[in-house]
Amino acid sequence: MTTVHRVEDLKSLVDPLLVYQDYVRLTRRGRRSLGLCPFHKEKTPSFSVDGDNGLFYCFGCHRGGDVIKFLMEVEGCSFLEAAEILARKAGVRLETRAPAEGSRGTPDRRERLFKLLAAASRFYRQAFAEASPQSAVRAYARRRGIGPETAERLRLGFAPPEGGLLAHLARQEFTPAEAMEAGLLVERARGEYAERFRNRLLFPIEDTLGRTVGFGGRALGDEEPKYLNSPESPVFQKRDLLYGLALTRQAVREAGRILLVEGYMDFLAAFQAGVPYVAATLGTALAEGQVRLVKRYAREVVLNFDRDAAGLQAAERAILLLLGEGLRIRVALVPSGKDPDGFIAAEGPEAYRRVVETAVPFFDFLVERALSSGSLQEVEGRMAFVDRLAAYLSAVPDPLERQEYLREVAARTGMEPSLLRKRLQEPAEGGPAAPQGRSPDLPAVPVREQLLVKGVFAYPEAARRILADLPGEALDSAAAGPLLKELLSGSVEDPDNQALLARILNGCHEVPSEGDLKRAAAEVQVEFLRRKERELARQIREASRRADLDLVQILNREKMALLEEIGALMD
């Protein structure tokens, strides 16, 4: 594997647009690509990526910078961790410091855990591959209809009843303490360990980069618990992950839709049934981190949770979270109260695909749920119906869509829409909430300075020559002065300057010609001189009030010289 030592070299190996597209659905508009910002809620795209230099900027929440800054923001990680993510995408190894002579280097804690979990996954996969046809795990796979190709694509494993993982990890120089931290062992007594997973079919849980971060184990018989999951660890937080998305995210992105199911076997059954855009919630109620993950890849969500009381309640909670992110939502209702796995086993893949394709709009699902709990014949029933739907109506971000739902509720209850709106305590204008993202106090930059910034990229030699001729005071006085100085030095390191650069490069002004650059530089200098002229005029007024005629004459001569200089620049 190739090794790189500088982050700038690493960035040159990766198409930044492909990195952004892992998190945002982008549409090309000339040299810019636009999409919905991953950092705040919005309906109209304000997230922009400049195709020439790969910088991003959001005109809604004002975040901006390069691809490393983007990864730091979206993954909530450090600069070095973001660089490591980028290195994995590039297929290279990043070493920012040369290892000491004779030293093998010391990988950081998270990297050690990733390597340990990868080794564990290989051990379990080999155990599954080597299991005899008469073994319990092979019998279970046949009984549940798990095909060999599916088992291979999902990297299914087997935890043997006799264990063996601890010895396997020891041979690869991992310690029991590290395996404990990764969630693969439990401590029975001081210094004594037992393997967490035994005699179970194992589903490796991967993050969106395809790294194993944990496991889910299914009992092969009547053992309890039926499903046993890895505990959370430094690399595994289940509320921020969706099972199977590492495998299906490209299909999700292409479809613009994601089917969310509850667990491992539902995912496996749906995937095997020919629904490639599926992911699972790891058996827990949908969490905010998972919703943000969904939004990176899809604009529409189809929910297919179990039809029992817990599954229906989980669907209602999920709808509320998904509405808050402006996602379109439908609900797939499997007949006869079966879960997806059971329905596919009974009715077949084609019947299940029809269920998914005919999923009902979320509001129809909610209305039917509300009607099932009471009658609209009495006032109390109608009020309970409205109250049950109130939170969902308030969460709909599109005012026109919300108005349509209000009309439907009004028609069913006989209430006036205006009274319903008042009961819901909506804003008078009915608009969505303002973005909650961070809004740095970036300076307003005149067009002339924006042209100079863009000129550094379009005409680097000419721009450097023109900027070098600008008086230092004039450059210092410009709103983009600090940014231009960093550009001339060859690297923009200041985060505020990175954001400002991204905003300018993603702006609407065209890349200038060399002649435009000269005029823009002259205008910057003229504006600086005019500020000096205004200051001299103030000083002249002060000197006149004091009757200091000698000083007035001196200041007037300076002012005349400034005016001549301004006139020369404007010719």
Protein backbone atom coordinates (compact mmCIF):
# COMPACT_ATOMS: atom_id res chain seq x y z
CA MET A 1 0.00 0.00 0.00
CA THR A 2 1.27 3.45 -0.94
CA THR A 3 2.29 5.71 1.96
CA VAL A 4 1.89 9.49 1.95
CA HIS A 5 3.32 11.85 4.56
CA ARG A 6 1.57 15.17 3.81
CA VAL A 7 -2.14 15.87 4.01
CA GLU A 8 -1.87 18.15 0.95
CA ASP A 9 -0.47 15.21 -1.04
CA LEU A 10 -3.31 13.04 0.23
CA LYS A 11 -5.94 15.57 -0.86
CA SER A 12 -4.50 15.57 -4.37
CA LEU A 13 -5.19 11.81 -4.65
CA VAL A 14 -8.93 12.06 -4.00
CA ASP A 15 -11.74 13.56 -6.05
CA PRO A 16 -13.38 15.68 -3.34
CA LEU A 17 -16.73 15.58 -5.13
CA LEU A 18 -16.90 11.83 -4.53
CA VAL A 19 -16.25 12.39 -0.83
CA TYR A 20 -19.05 14.94 -0.54
CA GLN A 21 -21.39 12.60 -2.42
CA ASP A 22 -20.93 9.99 0.31
CA TYR A 23 -22.88 12.36 2.56
CA VAL A 24 -24.91 14.69 0.30
CA ARG A 25 -26.94 14.06 -2.85
CA LEU A 26 -25.47 16.60 -5.27
CA THR A 27 -26.82 17.94 -8.55
CA ARG A 28 -24.45 19.53 -11.07
CA ARG A 29 -25.11 23.18 -11.97
CA GLY A 30 -22.31 24.32 -14.29
CA ARG A 31 -19.04 24.12 -12.40
CA ARG A 32 -20.88 23.94 -9.08
CA SER A 33 -22.77 21.05 -7.48
CA LEU A 34 -25.71 21.75 -5.18
CA GLY A 35 -27.46 19.72 -2.50
CA LEU A 36 -29.27 19.86 0.83
CA CYS A 37 -26.90 20.85 3.63
CA PRO A 38 -26.07 18.00 6.04
CA PHE A 39 -25.49 20.48 8.88
CA HIS A 40 -28.95 22.05 9.16
CA LYS A 41 -32.55 21.41 8.17
CA GLU A 42 -33.63 22.87 4.83
CA LYS A 43 -35.93 22.21 1.89
CA THR A 44 -34.11 24.28 -0.76
CA PRO A 45 -30.49 23.29 -1.54
CA SER A 46 -27.97 25.81 -0.21
CA PHE A 47 -24.93 23.50 0.08
CA SER A 48 -22.52 24.20 -2.79
CA VAL A 49 -19.31 22.53 -3.94
CA ASP A 50 -16.96 24.28 -6.36
CA GLY A 51 -15.96 21.75 -9.00
CA ASP A 52 -12.63 23.42 -9.77
CA ASN A 53 -11.09 23.40 -6.29
CA GLY A 54 -13.32 21.09 -4.25
CA LEU A 55 -14.23 23.61 -1.58
CA PHE A 56 -17.71 23.54 -0.03
CA TYR A 57 -19.89 26.31 1.33
CA CYS A 58 -23.44 26.47 2.70
CA PHE A 59 -25.28 29.72 2.09
CA GLY A 60 -27.76 28.77 4.83
CA CYS A 61 -25.61 28.01 7.88
CA HIS A 62 -22.37 29.56 6.48
CA ARG A 63 -20.14 26.55 7.08
CA GLY A 64 -17.40 26.11 4.53
CA GLY A 65 -13.90 24.87 3.87
CA ASP A 66 -12.05 22.02 2.21
CA VAL A 67 -12.80 18.32 2.20
CA ILE A 68 -10.87 17.72 5.45
CA LYS A 69 -12.92 20.42 7.20
CA PHE A 70 -16.08 18.83 5.82
CA LEU A 71 -15.16 15.40 7.18
CA MET A 72 -14.32 16.92 10.58
CA GLU A 73 -17.75 18.58 10.70
CA VAL A 74 -19.86 15.73 9.37
CA GLU A 75 -18.08 12.91 11.24
CA GLY A 76 -17.48 14.96 14.41
CA CYS A 77 -13.82 13.98 14.41
CA SER A 78 -10.39 15.53 14.75
CA PHE A 79 -8.20 16.78 11.89
CA LEU A 80 -6.06 13.63 12.01
CA GLU A 81 -9.08 11.32 12.08
CA ALA A 82 -10.56 13.14 9.08
CA ALA A 83 -7.27 12.74 7.23
CA GLU A 84 -7.28 9.03 8.05
CA ILE A 85 -10.82 8.69 6.66
CA LEU A 86 -9.67 10.41 3.48
CA ALA A 87 -6.64 8.11 3.27
CA ARG A 88 -8.88 5.05 3.43
CA LYS A 89 -11.02 6.45 0.63
CA ALA A 90 -7.86 6.98 -1.42
CA GLY A 91 -6.55 3.50 -0.66
CA VAL A 92 -3.28 4.79 0.83
CA ARG A 93 -1.62 4.84 4.23
CA LEU A 94 -1.09 8.21 5.91
CA GLU A 95 1.98 8.71 8.09
CA THR A 96 2.26 12.30 9.18
CA ARG A 97 5.46 11.62 11.12
CA ALA A 98 8.31 9.38 10.18
CA PRO A 99 8.56 6.46 12.67
CA ALA A 100 11.56 6.43 14.96
CA GLU A 101 14.49 4.34 13.76
CA GLY A 102 14.05 0.71 14.71
CA SER A 103 10.47 1.33 15.87
CA ARG A 104 7.40 -0.32 14.39
CA GLY A 105 5.27 2.65 15.40
CA THR A 106 2.32 2.57 17.80
CA PRO A 107 -1.14 2.69 16.20
CA ASP A 108 -3.64 4.74 18.12
CA ARG A 109 -6.29 3.14 20.27
CA ARG A 110 -9.14 3.30 17.75
CA GLU A 111 -6.99 1.94 14.93
CA ARG A 112 -5.96 -0.99 17.14
CA LEU A 113 -9.61 -1.76 17.84
CA PHE A 114 -10.51 -1.63 14.14
CA LYS A 115 -7.70 -4.07 13.35
CA LEU A 116 -8.71 -6.37 16.20
CA LEU A 117 -12.35 -6.44 15.10
CA ALA A 118 -11.31 -7.13 11.50
CA ALA A 119 -9.26 -10.09 12.75
CA ALA A 120 -12.24 -11.32 14.77
CA SER A 121 -14.50 -11.04 11.73
CA ARG A 122 -12.08 -13.15 9.68
CA PHE A 123 -12.00 -15.77 12.45
CA TYR A 124 -15.80 -16.01 12.62
CA ARG A 125 -16.17 -16.09 8.82
CA GLN A 126 -13.67 -18.92 8.55
CA ALA A 127 -15.52 -20.82 11.27
CA PHE A 128 -18.77 -20.45 9.31
CA ALA A 129 -17.11 -21.51 6.06
CA GLU A 130 -15.56 -24.59 7.70
CA ALA A 131 -18.71 -25.68 9.58
CA SER A 132 -19.94 -29.09 8.43
CA PRO A 133 -23.28 -29.40 6.60
CA GLN A 134 -24.66 -31.23 9.66
CA SER A 135 -23.66 -28.47 12.11
CA ALA A 136 -26.23 -26.43 13.99
CA VAL A 137 -25.26 -23.21 12.23
CA ARG A 138 -25.60 -24.75 8.76
CA ALA A 139 -28.94 -26.28 9.70
CA TYR A 140 -30.15 -22.92 10.99
CA ALA A 141 -29.04 -21.17 7.78
CA ARG A 142 -30.95 -23.71 5.67
CA ARG A 143 -34.03 -23.42 7.87
CA ARG A 144 -34.06 -19.63 7.54
CA GLY A 145 -33.43 -19.72 3.80
CA ILE A 146 -30.03 -17.99 3.92
CA GLY A 147 -28.40 -18.57 0.55
CA PRO A 148 -24.61 -19.02 0.15
CA GLU A 149 -24.26 -15.82 -1.90
CA THR A 150 -26.11 -13.79 0.73
CA ALA A 151 -23.98 -15.28 3.51
CA GLU A 152 -20.87 -14.29 1.61
CA ARG A 153 -22.01 -10.75 0.80
CA LEU A 154 -23.09 -10.12 4.40
CA ARG A 155 -19.87 -11.73 5.69
CA LEU A 156 -21.81 -13.91 8.09
CA GLY A 157 -19.80 -15.70 10.73
CA PHE A 158 -20.10 -18.43 13.33
CA ALA A 159 -18.98 -18.30 16.94
CA PRO A 160 -18.09 -21.94 17.76
CA PRO A 161 -19.44 -23.32 21.05
CA GLU A 162 -15.91 -24.20 22.13
CA GLY A 163 -14.61 -20.68 21.48
CA GLY A 164 -11.15 -20.13 20.07
CA LEU A 165 -11.29 -16.39 19.35
CA LEU A 166 -9.12 -15.37 22.29
CA ALA A 167 -6.29 -17.66 21.22
CA HIS A 168 -6.62 -16.46 17.61
CA LEU A 169 -6.30 -12.83 18.71
CA ALA A 170 -3.36 -13.62 20.97
CA ARG A 171 -1.49 -15.11 18.02
CA GLN A 172 -1.95 -11.75 16.28
CA GLU A 173 -0.56 -9.90 19.30
CA PHE A 174 -3.85 -8.48 20.62
CA THR A 175 -4.32 -8.49 24.38
CA PRO A 176 -7.38 -9.66 26.34
CA ALA A 177 -7.79 -6.08 27.59
CA GLU A 178 -8.09 -4.84 23.99
CA ALA A 179 -10.59 -7.58 23.14
CA MET A 180 -12.57 -6.55 26.24
CA GLU A 181 -12.61 -2.94 25.07
CA ALA A 182 -13.84 -4.08 21.66
CA GLY A 183 -16.72 -5.90 23.36
CA LEU A 184 -15.66 -9.43 22.40
CA LEU A 185 -14.93 -10.70 25.91
CA VAL A 186 -16.61 -10.59 29.31
CA GLU A 187 -14.64 -10.70 32.54
CA ARG A 188 -15.70 -13.62 34.76
CA ALA A 189 -13.24 -13.06 37.60
CA ARG A 190 -10.15 -10.97 38.11
CA GLY A 191 -7.89 -11.76 35.15
CA GLU A 192 -10.24 -14.42 33.74
CA TYR A 193 -12.12 -13.84 30.51
CA ALA A 194 -14.85 -15.59 28.54
CA GLU A 195 -15.80 -15.03 24.94
CA ARG A 196 -19.03 -13.05 24.59
CA PHE A 197 -20.28 -14.96 21.54
CA ARG A 198 -20.58 -18.77 21.56
CA ASN A 199 -22.67 -21.04 19.37
CA ARG A 200 -24.28 -18.16 17.49
CA LEU A 201 -24.70 -17.03 13.90
CA LEU A 202 -22.85 -13.70 13.73
CA PHE A 203 -23.72 -10.60 11.75
CA PRO A 204 -20.73 -8.23 11.52
CA ILE A 205 -21.78 -4.61 12.06
CA GLU A 206 -19.88 -2.18 9.86
CA ASP A 207 -19.64 1.59 9.74
CA THR A 208 -20.19 3.43 6.46
CA LEU A 209 -16.51 3.01 5.60
CA GLY A 210 -16.89 -0.77 5.74
CA ARG A 211 -14.93 -1.23 8.98
CA THR A 212 -16.19 -3.87 11.42
CA VAL A 213 -17.18 -2.15 14.67
CA GLY A 214 -19.18 -4.87 16.41
CA PHE A 215 -21.30 -8.00 16.02
CA GLY A 216 -24.85 -9.19 16.45
CA GLY A 217 -25.26 -12.83 17.39
CA ARG A 218 -28.39 -14.96 16.77
CA ALA A 219 -28.92 -17.99 19.01
CA LEU A 220 -29.16 -21.23 17.04
CA GLY A 221 -31.77 -22.75 19.35
CA ASP A 222 -33.93 -21.63 22.24
CA GLU A 223 -31.12 -19.97 24.17
CA GLU A 224 -31.71 -16.56 25.67
CA PRO A 225 -31.24 -13.89 24.71
CA LYS A 226 -32.30 -14.70 21.18
CA TYR A 227 -30.11 -11.83 19.90
CA LEU A 228 -26.92 -10.72 21.62
CA ASN A 229 -25.18 -7.53 20.48
CA SER A 230 -21.73 -6.08 21.08
CA PRO A 231 -21.75 -3.40 23.77
CA GLU A 232 -20.91 0.14 22.77
CA SER A 233 -17.21 0.91 22.52
CA PRO A 234 -14.89 3.69 21.32
CA VAL A 235 -15.66 2.59 17.73
CA PHE A 236 -19.29 1.44 18.07
CA GLN A 237 -22.26 3.61 18.98
CA LYS A 238 -25.34 1.79 17.74
CA ARG A 239 -27.52 4.92 17.69
CA ASP A 240 -25.27 6.36 14.96
CA LEU A 241 -25.19 3.29 12.70
CA LEU A 242 -27.56 1.33 10.49
CA TYR A 243 -26.92 -2.34 9.90
CA GLY A 244 -26.19 -3.17 6.26
CA LEU A 245 -25.81 0.39 5.01
CA ALA A 246 -22.12 -0.16 4.26
CA LEU A 247 -23.26 -2.78 1.73
CA THR A 248 -26.31 -1.01 0.32
CA ARG A 249 -25.50 2.69 0.47
CA GLN A 250 -24.75 2.96 -3.24
CA ALA A 251 -28.09 1.37 -4.08
CA VAL A 252 -29.78 3.69 -1.57
CA ARG A 253 -28.16 6.72 -3.19
CA GLU A 254 -29.12 5.63 -6.70
CA ALA A 255 -32.73 4.94 -5.69
CA GLY A 256 -32.98 8.09 -3.58
CA ARG A 257 -34.89 5.89 -1.15
CA ILE A 258 -34.12 3.70 1.85
CA LEU A 259 -36.21 0.86 3.30
CA LEU A 260 -35.78 0.73 7.08
CA VAL A 261 -36.46 -2.54 8.89
CA GLU A 262 -35.89 -3.52 12.51
CA GLY A 263 -33.28 -6.25 12.68
CA TYR A 264 -30.64 -8.45 11.10
CA MET A 265 -32.92 -11.17 9.73
CA ASP A 266 -35.42 -8.66 8.33
CA PHE A 267 -32.54 -6.94 6.54
CA LEU A 268 -31.21 -10.25 5.23
CA ALA A 269 -34.63 -11.35 4.01
CA ALA A 270 -35.41 -8.03 2.28
CA PHE A 271 -31.96 -7.87 0.68
CA GLN A 272 -32.24 -11.46 -0.52
CA ALA A 273 -35.75 -10.73 -1.82
CA GLY A 274 -34.40 -8.15 -4.26
CA VAL A 275 -34.76 -4.88 -2.35
CA PRO A 276 -31.20 -3.53 -2.55
CA TYR A 277 -31.83 -0.18 -0.80
CA VAL A 278 -32.50 -1.61 2.67
CA ALA A 279 -30.91 -1.01 6.09
CA ALA A 280 -31.80 -1.99 9.66
CA THR A 281 -31.98 -0.10 12.94
CA LEU A 282 -30.01 -2.65 15.02
CA GLY A 283 -33.18 -3.59 16.86
CA THR A 284 -33.52 -0.23 18.59
CA ALA A 285 -35.89 2.67 18.09
CA LEU A 286 -34.67 5.00 15.35
CA ALA A 287 -32.33 7.62 16.83
CA GLU A 288 -31.33 11.11 15.70
CA GLY A 289 -27.86 9.98 14.65
CA GLN A 290 -29.40 7.31 12.42
CA VAL A 291 -31.77 9.86 10.89
CA ARG A 292 -28.83 12.11 10.01
CA LEU A 293 -27.16 9.08 8.43
CA VAL A 294 -30.27 8.36 6.37
CA LYS A 295 -30.37 11.96 5.14
CA ARG A 296 -26.87 11.65 3.67
CA TYR A 297 -28.04 9.08 1.16
CA ALA A 298 -31.80 9.34 0.60
CA ARG A 299 -34.67 11.80 0.38
CA GLU A 300 -37.42 9.22 0.87
CA VAL A 301 -37.78 6.67 3.67
CA VAL A 302 -40.00 3.59 3.61
CA LEU A 303 -40.61 2.24 7.12
CA ASN A 304 -41.33 -1.48 7.51
CA PHE A 305 -41.29 -2.28 11.19
CA ASP A 306 -43.08 -5.17 12.88
CA ARG A 307 -46.89 -4.94 13.08
CA ASP A 308 -46.97 -5.58 16.83
CA ALA A 309 -47.67 -2.73 19.29
CA ALA A 310 -43.97 -2.04 19.88
CA GLY A 311 -43.22 -1.93 16.14
CA LEU A 312 -46.13 0.40 15.36
CA GLN A 313 -45.13 2.76 18.17
CA ALA A 314 -41.53 2.69 16.91
CA ALA A 315 -42.82 3.67 13.44
CA GLU A 316 -44.73 6.63 14.90
CA ARG A 317 -41.63 7.86 16.77
CA ALA A 318 -39.51 7.39 13.65
CA ILE A 319 -41.93 9.47 11.55
CA LEU A 320 -41.60 12.39 13.94
CA LEU A 321 -37.79 12.31 13.77
CA LEU A 322 -37.71 11.93 9.99
CA LEU A 323 -40.15 14.82 9.49
CA GLY A 324 -37.77 17.04 11.43
CA GLU A 325 -35.14 16.44 8.75
CA GLY A 326 -37.48 17.23 5.88
CA LEU A 327 -37.54 13.66 4.52
CA ARG A 328 -40.42 12.12 2.57
CA ILE A 329 -41.90 9.17 4.44
CA ARG A 330 -44.03 6.17 3.52
CA VAL A 331 -45.00 3.12 5.56
CA ALA A 332 -45.03 -0.43 4.17
CA LEU A 333 -47.72 -2.48 5.88
CA VAL A 334 -47.11 -6.22 5.78
CA PRO A 335 -50.43 -8.12 5.97
CA SER A 336 -51.33 -10.58 8.71
CA GLY A 337 -49.13 -8.93 11.31
CA LYS A 338 -45.98 -10.70 10.13
CA ASP A 339 -42.50 -9.19 10.20
CA PRO A 340 -40.72 -8.83 6.82
CA ASP A 341 -38.74 -12.05 7.31
CA GLY A 342 -41.85 -14.09 8.12
CA PHE A 343 -43.88 -12.57 5.30
CA ILE A 344 -41.19 -13.25 2.68
CA ALA A 345 -40.87 -16.85 3.89
CA ALA A 346 -44.64 -17.33 3.59
CA GLU A 347 -45.53 -15.28 0.51
CA GLY A 348 -42.30 -14.97 -1.45
CA PRO A 349 -40.00 -12.15 -2.62
CA GLU A 350 -42.31 -10.78 -5.33
CA ALA A 351 -45.18 -10.29 -2.86
CA TYR A 352 -42.86 -8.42 -0.52
CA ARG A 353 -41.57 -6.14 -3.26
CA ARG A 354 -45.20 -5.23 -4.04
CA VAL A 355 -45.76 -4.34 -0.38
CA VAL A 356 -42.75 -2.02 -0.45
CA GLU A 357 -43.73 -0.39 -3.76
CA THR A 358 -47.30 0.23 -2.55
CA ALA A 359 -46.26 1.71 0.81
CA VAL A 360 -48.76 4.32 2.00
CA PRO A 361 -47.96 7.98 2.76
CA PHE A 362 -47.06 8.47 6.40
CA PHE A 363 -50.09 10.66 7.12
CA ASP A 364 -52.50 7.98 5.90
CA PHE A 365 -50.82 5.55 8.29
CA LEU A 366 -51.09 7.99 11.19
CA VAL A 367 -54.73 8.76 10.47
CA GLU A 368 -55.63 5.06 10.43
CA ARG A 369 -53.76 4.56 13.68
CA ALA A 370 -55.59 7.48 15.28
CA LEU A 371 -58.99 6.25 14.04
CA SER A 372 -58.36 2.78 15.40
CA SER A 373 -58.11 4.13 18.93
CA GLY A 374 -61.43 6.00 19.07
CA SER A 375 -64.56 7.25 17.34
CA LEU A 376 -65.08 10.65 15.73
CA GLN A 377 -68.78 10.64 16.58
CA GLU A 378 -68.24 12.39 19.92
CA VAL A 379 -66.45 15.68 20.66
CA GLU A 380 -63.97 13.90 22.93
CA GLY A 381 -63.06 11.50 20.15
CA ARG A 382 -62.52 14.29 17.65
CA MET A 383 -60.33 16.23 20.08
CA ALA A 384 -58.30 13.09 20.86
CA PHE A 385 -57.87 12.55 17.12
CA VAL A 386 -56.53 16.09 16.63
CA ASP A 387 -54.25 15.87 19.67
CA ARG A 388 -52.78 12.58 18.47
CA LEU A 389 -51.84 14.12 15.13
CA ALA A 390 -50.79 17.53 16.44
CA ALA A 391 -47.08 16.86 16.89
CA TYR A 392 -46.79 15.41 13.38
CA LEU A 393 -48.63 18.32 11.79
CA SER A 394 -46.38 20.80 13.55
CA ALA A 395 -43.27 18.90 12.42
CA VAL A 396 -44.10 19.03 8.70
CA PRO A 397 -41.62 21.62 7.38
CA ASP A 398 -43.38 22.48 4.12
CA PRO A 399 -46.23 24.97 4.82
CA LEU A 400 -48.18 23.93 1.72
CA GLU A 401 -47.96 20.25 2.62
CA ARG A 402 -48.95 21.06 6.20
CA GLN A 403 -51.96 23.01 4.92
CA GLU A 404 -53.18 19.97 2.96
CA TYR A 405 -52.94 17.75 6.03
CA LEU A 406 -54.80 20.34 8.10
CA ARG A 407 -57.59 20.35 5.52
CA GLU A 408 -57.85 16.56 5.72
CA VAL A 409 -58.09 16.68 9.52
CA ALA A 410 -60.64 19.47 9.28
CA ALA A 411 -62.74 17.45 6.82
CA ARG A 412 -62.72 14.40 9.07
CA THR A 413 -63.53 16.30 12.26
CA GLY A 414 -65.73 19.10 10.93
CA MET A 415 -63.44 21.69 12.52
CA GLU A 416 -62.35 24.93 10.90
CA PRO A 417 -58.72 24.84 9.64
CA SER A 418 -58.07 28.22 11.28
CA LEU A 419 -59.12 26.82 14.67
CA LEU A 420 -56.97 23.75 14.15
CA ARG A 421 -54.02 25.99 13.32
CA LYS A 422 -54.61 27.98 16.48
CA ARG A 423 -54.82 24.81 18.57
CA LEU A 424 -51.53 23.64 17.15
CA GLN A 425 -50.01 27.03 18.09
CA GLU A 426 -48.38 27.37 14.68
CA PRO A 427 -46.60 30.58 13.63
CA ALA A 428 -48.90 32.93 11.74
CA GLU A 429 -46.94 32.50 8.52
CA GLY A 430 -46.83 28.73 8.92
CA GLY A 431 -43.18 28.61 7.89
CA PRO A 432 -40.63 26.01 8.91
CA ALA A 433 -38.21 26.55 11.73
CA ALA A 434 -35.07 28.51 10.97
CA PRO A 435 -31.87 26.51 10.50
CA GLN A 436 -30.14 25.65 13.73
CA GLY A 437 -26.64 25.34 12.29
CA ARG A 438 -23.69 27.42 13.39
CA SER A 439 -23.48 30.80 11.65
CA PRO A 440 -19.97 32.21 11.87
CA ASP A 441 -19.60 35.97 11.60
CA LEU A 442 -17.92 36.02 8.20
CA PRO A 443 -17.26 39.47 6.74
CA ALA A 444 -19.12 40.88 3.76
CA VAL A 445 -16.70 40.86 0.83
CA PRO A 446 -17.03 43.40 -2.03
CA VAL A 447 -17.20 41.96 -5.54
CA ARG A 448 -13.79 43.49 -6.40
CA GLU A 449 -12.14 41.46 -3.63
CA GLN A 450 -14.01 38.31 -4.60
CA LEU A 451 -12.61 38.68 -8.12
CA LEU A 452 -9.09 38.95 -6.72
CA VAL A 453 -9.57 35.76 -4.70
CA LYS A 454 -10.89 33.87 -7.72
CA GLY A 455 -8.09 35.30 -9.83
CA VAL A 456 -5.47 33.61 -7.64
CA PHE A 457 -6.83 30.27 -8.93
CA ALA A 458 -7.70 31.28 -12.50
CA TYR A 459 -4.53 33.29 -13.28
CA PRO A 460 -2.04 32.47 -10.51
CA GLU A 461 1.04 34.19 -11.98
CA ALA A 462 -0.78 37.36 -13.02
CA ALA A 463 -2.72 37.52 -9.74
CA ARG A 464 0.43 37.19 -7.63
CA ARG A 465 2.13 39.93 -9.64
CA ILE A 466 -0.87 42.27 -9.35
CA LEU A 467 -1.31 41.63 -5.63
CA ALA A 468 2.42 42.12 -5.00
CA ASP A 469 2.08 45.62 -6.50
CA LEU A 470 -0.71 46.52 -4.08
CA PRO A 471 0.52 48.58 -1.11
CA GLY A 472 0.56 46.47 2.05
CA GLU A 473 -1.76 48.90 3.83
CA ALA A 474 -4.34 48.61 1.04
CA LEU A 475 -4.27 44.81 1.23
CA ASP A 476 -4.49 44.90 5.04
CA SER A 477 -7.55 47.15 4.87
CA ALA A 478 -9.48 44.81 2.56
CA ALA A 479 -12.16 42.51 4.02
CA ALA A 480 -10.52 39.58 2.21
CA GLY A 481 -7.01 40.82 3.03
CA PRO A 482 -6.10 38.05 5.54
CA LEU A 483 -7.39 35.43 3.10
CA LEU A 484 -5.46 36.90 0.16
CA LYS A 485 -2.28 36.93 2.24
CA GLU A 486 -2.69 33.25 3.10
CA LEU A 487 -3.36 32.43 -0.56
CA LEU A 488 -0.16 34.21 -1.54
CA SER A 489 1.74 32.20 1.08
CA GLY A 490 0.56 29.01 -0.60
CA SER A 491 -1.74 27.54 2.06
CA VAL A 492 -4.98 28.62 3.78
CA GLU A 493 -4.84 27.31 7.35
CA ASP A 494 -7.13 29.65 9.29
CA PRO A 495 -10.64 28.05 9.62
CA ASP A 496 -12.43 31.38 9.12
CA ASN A 497 -10.40 32.05 5.99
CA GLN A 498 -11.18 28.54 4.72
CA ALA A 499 -14.90 29.21 5.18
CA LEU A 500 -14.60 32.61 3.50
CA LEU A 501 -12.68 31.09 0.59
CA ALA A 502 -15.32 28.42 0.14
CA ARG A 503 -18.09 31.02 0.17
CA ILE A 504 -16.36 33.16 -2.46
CA LEU A 505 -15.46 30.29 -4.78
CA ASN A 506 -19.00 28.92 -4.61
CA GLY A 507 -20.47 32.37 -5.31
CA CYS A 508 -22.15 33.45 -8.53
CA HIS A 509 -19.51 35.84 -9.89
CA GLU A 510 -17.67 34.57 -12.92
CA VAL A 511 -13.94 33.89 -12.94
CA PRO A 512 -12.37 37.19 -14.09
CA SER A 513 -10.05 37.94 -16.95
CA GLU A 514 -6.57 39.37 -16.31
CA GLY A 515 -7.94 42.81 -17.17
CA ASP A 516 -10.67 42.38 -14.54
CA LEU A 517 -7.96 41.52 -12.01
CA LYS A 518 -6.09 44.74 -12.67
CA ARG A 519 -9.28 46.78 -12.37
CA ALA A 520 -10.27 44.96 -9.17
CA ALA A 521 -6.84 45.62 -7.61
CA ALA A 522 -7.06 49.28 -8.61
CA GLU A 523 -10.51 49.53 -7.01
CA VAL A 524 -9.19 48.01 -3.76
CA GLN A 525 -6.42 50.60 -3.70
CA VAL A 526 -8.85 53.42 -4.58
CA GLU A 527 -11.17 52.40 -1.75
CA PHE A 528 -8.21 52.42 0.65
CA LEU A 529 -7.16 55.89 -0.54
CA ARG A 530 -10.70 57.20 -0.24
CA ARG A 531 -10.80 56.08 3.36
CA LYS A 532 -7.57 57.99 3.90
CA GLU A 533 -9.13 60.99 2.16
CA ARG A 534 -12.15 60.87 4.48
CA GLU A 535 -9.85 60.72 7.49
CA LEU A 536 -7.88 63.74 6.19
CA ALA A 537 -11.15 65.66 5.68
CA ARG A 538 -12.04 64.94 9.32
CA GLN A 539 -8.63 66.16 10.48
CA ILE A 540 -8.97 69.33 8.34
CA ARG A 541 -12.32 70.11 10.01
CA GLU A 542 -10.79 69.62 13.43
CA ALA A 543 -7.81 71.86 12.58
CA SER A 544 -10.14 74.53 11.18
CA ARG A 545 -12.16 74.57 14.41
CA ARG A 546 -8.93 75.12 16.32
CA ALA A 547 -7.89 77.85 13.81
CA ASP A 548 -4.64 75.97 13.13
CA LEU A 549 -4.16 77.35 9.60
CA ASP A 550 -0.67 75.92 9.12
CA LEU A 551 -1.94 72.38 9.79
CA VAL A 552 -4.91 72.98 7.48
CA GLN A 553 -2.54 73.89 4.61
CA ILE A 554 -0.40 70.76 5.21
CA LEU A 555 -3.43 68.48 5.34
CA ASN A 556 -4.94 70.07 2.22
CA ARG A 557 -1.73 69.37 0.28
CA GLU A 558 -1.87 65.73 1.39
CA LYS A 559 -5.51 65.55 0.33
CA MET A 560 -4.74 66.97 -3.11
CA ALA A 561 -1.97 64.41 -3.57
CA LEU A 562 -4.39 61.62 -2.63
CA LEU A 563 -6.99 62.88 -5.10
CA GLU A 564 -4.39 62.95 -7.88
CA GLU A 565 -3.38 59.37 -7.03
CA ILE A 566 -7.03 58.26 -7.08
CA GLY A 567 -7.55 60.01 -10.43
CA ALA A 568 -4.52 58.22 -11.91
CA LEU A 569 -5.77 54.83 -10.74
CA MET A 570 -9.21 55.42 -12.21
CA ASP A 571 -7.95 56.47 -15.67
